[in-house]
Amino acid sequence: MSAIVSHRLHLPGTSPVHRVPAEVKIVCAVVAVFAVVATPREMFWPFAVYAAGVIVAWRSARIGLRWIAPRLLIELPFVVLAILLPFAAGEPRTTVLGLSLSTTGLYAAWGIIAKGTIGVAISLTVAATTSIRELPGGLSRLHVPAMIVVIVVLMLRYVDVIADEAARMRLARISRGDDPRTIRQIGATARGVGNLFLRSYERGERVHLAMLSRGFTGVITEYGAEPATPRQWVLGIVPAVAAICVCACALVVR
C-alpha cells in the first residue's frame, strides 16, 4: 500500500534534504508558508526570492521539474479563479492590453497565484522528501494528538486506493458503452460517486476491524526513527528563518 503512495508523492533519494528528520521539515515548511502568506502582495521581489529558495531546495533534493510540474496542477482551480478577479473587482481600474481591469483585482490575482504556487511547491517538496513511514514519528515528536496522526497517515495511505477504485469504476462504465463525458450521464455519474462513497466507507470499516484484530491501540508505530538532534534543527530551520527575514524586510520597506 505504501509503495503506491510513495510512487505518487514520495521521491526516494539520499539527498541532504531527504536526510533531514520529518519533524524539522514539517516545522520549516509551516513557518515558511506563514512567512509567504504574510508577505504584502504589492511587493514582487520577495516572491522571486521565495521561488529561488524553492528551486535551490529542488536542486539539493534532486527533484526534477518534469516530476514536480504535473503535481503543481493541483492548484489549477485557484488559478482560474484568480484570472477572473481583475474582471470582477471594482474601482480603481487600469488598462492592460486594451482591457479595463481592476487594480485591486490584479493585485488579488497576483497574490493568489504567487502565494498559492509557492505554498504548494513547499508542500510538495516536503512530500517528495518525506516517506509515509517517517510521518508518524515526526508528527508525534511535535506533540500532535495521536488521533490526528492516525487520520493523516491513513488518509495519505488510502487516498490513492480510492483514486484507483474510481478509475476502475470509470473503466467499467466505458467498457459497457457509457460515456461519462456527456451531460446526459450526469445521473449515472452521481450514482457512481455515491457508490464510491459506500465502497470507501465499507473498506474503512474492514480496515479498522483488521487493525483492531492485530492489536491496534490508536497509536501508529514510529518504526524506530531517531529524534532530530540540535544540529539538525539548527541547519534544517535555516530556510524558514530566511523566509521570515525576507517577509520582515518586505514589511519594513513596504
Protein backbone atom coordinates (compact mmCIF):
# COMPACT_ATOMS: atom_id res chain seq x y z
CA MET A 1 0.00 0.00 0.00
CA SER A 2 2.73 2.45 0.94
CA ALA A 3 4.51 1.67 -2.32
CA ILE A 4 1.58 3.15 -4.22
CA VAL A 5 1.71 6.36 -2.20
CA SER A 6 5.50 6.53 -2.44
CA HIS A 7 5.29 6.27 -6.21
CA ARG A 8 2.92 9.23 -6.49
CA LEU A 9 4.00 11.60 -3.73
CA HIS A 10 7.36 10.45 -2.41
CA LEU A 11 10.53 10.58 -4.47
CA PRO A 12 13.05 8.23 -2.84
CA GLY A 13 16.56 9.55 -2.53
CA THR A 14 19.58 10.08 -0.30
CA SER A 15 19.99 13.83 -0.69
CA PRO A 16 20.66 16.13 2.29
CA VAL A 17 17.00 17.22 2.19
CA HIS A 18 15.84 13.59 2.35
CA ARG A 19 18.03 13.02 5.43
CA VAL A 20 16.51 15.89 7.41
CA PRO A 21 14.18 14.47 10.10
CA ALA A 22 10.49 14.71 9.34
CA GLU A 23 9.63 16.97 12.29
CA VAL A 24 12.23 19.53 11.19
CA LYS A 25 10.89 19.60 7.63
CA ILE A 26 7.30 19.97 8.84
CA VAL A 27 8.11 22.90 11.13
CA CYS A 28 10.28 24.52 8.47
CA ALA A 29 7.54 24.18 5.83
CA VAL A 30 4.78 25.56 8.10
CA VAL A 31 6.87 28.57 9.15
CA ALA A 32 7.95 29.27 5.57
CA VAL A 33 4.36 29.11 4.29
CA PHE A 34 3.21 31.52 7.00
CA ALA A 35 6.01 33.90 6.00
CA VAL A 36 4.95 33.71 2.35
CA VAL A 37 1.31 34.36 3.23
CA ALA A 38 2.24 37.33 5.45
CA THR A 39 4.27 38.98 2.67
CA PRO A 40 2.48 42.00 1.17
CA ARG A 41 1.13 41.15 -2.25
CA GLU A 42 2.13 44.60 -3.56
CA MET A 43 5.80 43.59 -3.22
CA PHE A 44 7.11 41.49 -6.09
CA TRP A 45 10.78 40.85 -5.26
CA PRO A 46 10.12 38.73 -2.09
CA PHE A 47 8.23 36.15 -4.13
CA ALA A 48 11.14 35.91 -6.56
CA VAL A 49 13.39 35.20 -3.56
CA TYR A 50 10.98 32.57 -2.25
CA ALA A 51 10.79 30.90 -5.67
CA ALA A 52 14.59 30.88 -5.92
CA GLY A 53 14.80 29.22 -2.50
CA VAL A 54 12.33 26.52 -3.56
CA ILE A 55 14.31 25.86 -6.73
CA VAL A 56 17.51 25.54 -4.67
CA ALA A 57 15.73 23.01 -2.44
CA TRP A 58 14.63 21.07 -5.53
CA ARG A 59 18.19 21.00 -6.83
CA SER A 60 19.51 19.84 -3.45
CA ALA A 61 16.86 17.11 -3.25
CA ARG A 62 17.35 16.16 -6.93
CA ILE A 63 13.70 16.82 -7.74
CA GLY A 64 13.28 17.36 -11.47
CA LEU A 65 10.85 19.84 -13.00
CA ARG A 66 9.30 17.02 -15.04
CA TRP A 67 8.37 15.23 -11.79
CA ILE A 68 7.12 18.27 -9.87
CA ALA A 69 5.28 20.16 -12.65
CA PRO A 70 2.29 17.76 -13.05
CA ARG A 71 1.77 17.78 -9.29
CA LEU A 72 1.64 21.58 -9.23
CA LEU A 73 -1.53 21.39 -11.35
CA ILE A 74 -3.50 20.72 -8.16
CA GLU A 75 -3.79 24.50 -7.74
CA LEU A 76 -5.28 25.00 -11.21
CA PRO A 77 -8.85 25.73 -9.95
CA PHE A 78 -7.49 28.56 -7.79
CA VAL A 79 -5.54 29.96 -10.75
CA VAL A 80 -8.75 30.02 -12.82
CA LEU A 81 -10.49 31.91 -10.01
CA ALA A 82 -7.60 34.35 -9.77
CA ILE A 83 -7.73 35.08 -13.51
CA LEU A 84 -11.38 36.15 -13.16
CA LEU A 85 -10.75 38.59 -10.29
CA PRO A 86 -9.39 41.51 -12.39
CA PHE A 87 -12.61 41.47 -14.42
CA ALA A 88 -14.97 41.18 -11.45
CA ALA A 89 -13.45 43.53 -8.87
CA GLY A 90 -14.34 47.21 -8.69
CA GLU A 91 -12.51 50.53 -8.81
CA PRO A 92 -9.84 51.76 -9.36
CA ARG A 93 -9.25 50.35 -12.82
CA THR A 94 -6.35 50.28 -15.25
CA THR A 95 -5.94 49.36 -18.90
CA VAL A 96 -3.85 46.31 -19.79
CA LEU A 97 -3.58 45.23 -23.45
CA GLY A 98 -6.72 47.20 -24.24
CA LEU A 99 -8.73 45.62 -21.40
CA SER A 100 -10.12 47.58 -18.47
CA LEU A 101 -9.07 45.67 -15.38
CA SER A 102 -9.44 46.32 -11.69
CA THR A 103 -6.19 47.28 -10.00
CA THR A 104 -7.34 45.67 -6.76
CA GLY A 105 -8.31 42.55 -8.68
CA LEU A 106 -4.91 42.40 -10.36
CA TYR A 107 -3.13 42.53 -7.01
CA ALA A 108 -5.51 39.94 -5.58
CA ALA A 109 -4.95 37.63 -8.56
CA TRP A 110 -1.19 38.05 -8.26
CA GLY A 111 -1.31 37.30 -4.54
CA ILE A 112 -3.36 34.13 -5.02
CA ILE A 113 -1.18 32.80 -7.82
CA ALA A 114 2.18 33.70 -6.26
CA LYS A 115 1.42 32.66 -2.68
CA GLY A 116 -0.56 29.60 -3.74
CA THR A 117 2.11 28.34 -6.13
CA ILE A 118 4.94 28.79 -3.63
CA GLY A 119 2.89 27.21 -0.85
CA VAL A 120 2.04 24.19 -2.97
CA ALA A 121 5.67 23.92 -4.09
CA ILE A 122 6.87 23.90 -0.47
CA SER A 123 4.30 21.24 0.46
CA LEU A 124 5.26 19.06 -2.49
CA THR A 125 8.93 19.40 -1.58
CA VAL A 126 8.20 18.05 1.90
CA ALA A 127 6.04 15.27 0.47
CA ALA A 128 8.71 14.32 -2.08
CA THR A 129 11.45 14.03 0.54
CA THR A 130 9.46 12.51 3.42
CA SER A 131 8.15 8.95 3.26
CA ILE A 132 4.93 7.77 4.86
CA ARG A 133 6.95 5.72 7.34
CA GLU A 134 8.60 8.88 8.70
CA LEU A 135 5.41 10.86 9.25
CA PRO A 136 4.03 9.18 12.41
CA GLY A 137 7.25 9.68 14.34
CA GLY A 138 7.70 13.25 13.11
CA LEU A 139 4.16 14.29 14.00
CA SER A 140 4.31 12.52 17.36
CA ARG A 141 7.56 14.24 18.32
CA LEU A 142 5.85 17.55 17.54
CA HIS A 143 3.19 16.53 20.11
CA VAL A 144 0.41 16.33 17.54
CA PRO A 145 -2.57 14.42 19.07
CA ALA A 146 -2.43 10.70 18.31
CA MET A 147 -5.87 10.67 16.69
CA ILE A 148 -4.86 13.40 14.21
CA VAL A 149 -1.66 11.47 13.41
CA VAL A 150 -3.73 8.35 12.66
CA ILE A 151 -6.16 10.29 10.46
CA VAL A 152 -3.39 11.99 8.46
CA VAL A 153 -1.35 8.83 7.90
CA LEU A 154 -4.34 6.68 6.92
CA MET A 155 -5.64 9.41 4.62
CA LEU A 156 -2.30 9.52 2.80
CA ARG A 157 -2.16 5.74 2.60
CA TYR A 158 -5.65 5.22 1.17
CA VAL A 159 -6.32 8.30 -0.97
CA ASP A 160 -4.59 6.57 -3.88
CA VAL A 161 -6.56 3.38 -3.23
CA ILE A 162 -9.79 5.35 -3.58
CA ALA A 163 -8.48 7.07 -6.72
CA ASP A 164 -7.66 3.67 -8.25
CA GLU A 165 -11.12 2.41 -7.33
CA ALA A 166 -12.69 5.42 -9.07
CA ALA A 167 -10.56 4.75 -12.16
CA ARG A 168 -11.68 1.10 -12.26
CA MET A 169 -15.32 2.13 -11.93
CA ARG A 170 -14.92 4.61 -14.78
CA LEU A 171 -13.27 1.96 -16.96
CA ALA A 172 -16.11 -0.45 -16.21
CA ARG A 173 -18.66 2.18 -17.29
CA ILE A 174 -16.83 2.86 -20.54
CA SER A 175 -16.48 -0.86 -21.31
CA ARG A 176 -20.28 -1.14 -21.07
CA GLY A 177 -20.80 1.57 -23.68
CA ASP A 178 -21.24 4.52 -21.31
CA ASP A 179 -19.68 7.92 -22.00
CA PRO A 180 -19.21 9.79 -18.68
CA ARG A 181 -18.27 12.98 -20.54
CA THR A 182 -21.81 13.66 -21.82
CA ILE A 183 -24.26 15.73 -19.80
CA ARG A 184 -26.92 13.04 -20.22
CA GLN A 185 -24.90 10.75 -17.96
CA ILE A 186 -24.91 13.16 -15.03
CA GLY A 187 -27.31 10.87 -13.16
CA ALA A 188 -25.08 7.83 -13.66
CA THR A 189 -22.07 9.88 -12.58
CA ALA A 190 -23.84 10.95 -9.39
CA ARG A 191 -24.78 7.35 -8.62
CA GLY A 192 -21.17 6.34 -9.26
CA VAL A 193 -19.95 8.92 -6.74
CA GLY A 194 -22.42 7.60 -4.17
CA ASN A 195 -21.34 4.03 -4.87
CA LEU A 196 -17.69 5.05 -4.46
CA PHE A 197 -18.51 6.63 -1.10
CA LEU A 198 -20.21 3.44 0.10
CA ARG A 199 -17.33 1.27 -1.08
CA SER A 200 -14.83 3.56 0.67
CA TYR A 201 -16.88 3.50 3.88
CA GLU A 202 -17.11 -0.29 3.82
CA ARG A 203 -13.38 -0.58 3.08
CA GLY A 204 -12.66 1.70 6.02
CA GLU A 205 -14.76 -0.49 8.31
CA ARG A 206 -12.92 -3.62 7.15
CA VAL A 207 -9.52 -1.97 7.56
CA HIS A 208 -10.42 -0.76 11.05
CA LEU A 209 -11.59 -4.23 12.12
CA ALA A 210 -8.41 -5.76 10.68
CA MET A 211 -6.28 -3.24 12.60
CA LEU A 212 -8.13 -3.95 15.86
CA SER A 213 -7.70 -7.69 15.38
CA ARG A 214 -3.94 -7.13 15.09
CA GLY A 215 -3.74 -5.20 18.35
CA PHE A 216 -4.13 -1.61 17.14
CA THR A 217 -4.42 0.73 20.15
CA GLY A 218 -4.89 4.09 18.41
CA VAL A 219 -1.20 4.90 18.02
CA ILE A 220 0.78 4.31 14.84
CA THR A 221 4.25 2.82 15.30
CA GLU A 222 7.21 5.14 14.70
CA TYR A 223 9.43 2.43 13.11
CA GLY A 224 12.40 3.30 15.34
CA ALA A 225 13.14 6.75 13.91
CA GLU A 226 15.51 8.87 15.98
CA PRO A 227 14.54 12.37 17.12
CA ALA A 228 16.27 15.29 15.45
CA THR A 229 19.50 16.47 17.05
CA PRO A 230 20.10 20.15 17.92
CA ARG A 231 22.46 20.40 14.94
CA GLN A 232 19.79 19.07 12.60
CA TRP A 233 17.28 21.56 13.99
CA VAL A 234 19.68 24.47 13.51
CA LEU A 235 20.59 23.52 9.94
CA GLY A 236 17.11 22.39 8.91
CA ILE A 237 15.35 25.52 10.11
CA VAL A 238 17.62 27.86 8.09
CA PRO A 239 15.19 28.13 5.11
CA ALA A 240 12.35 29.10 7.46
CA VAL A 241 14.49 31.76 9.15
CA ALA A 242 15.48 33.10 5.72
CA ALA A 243 11.79 33.28 4.71
CA ILE A 244 10.98 35.19 7.91
CA CYS A 245 13.79 37.66 7.19
CA VAL A 246 12.55 38.23 3.63
CA CYS A 247 9.00 38.78 4.89
CA ALA A 248 10.20 41.20 7.57
CA CYS A 249 12.23 43.18 5.02
CA ALA A 250 9.21 43.39 2.71
CA LEU A 251 7.02 44.68 5.57
CA VAL A 252 9.63 47.29 6.55
CA VAL A 253 10.21 48.71 3.06
CA ARG A 254 6.55 48.48 2.09
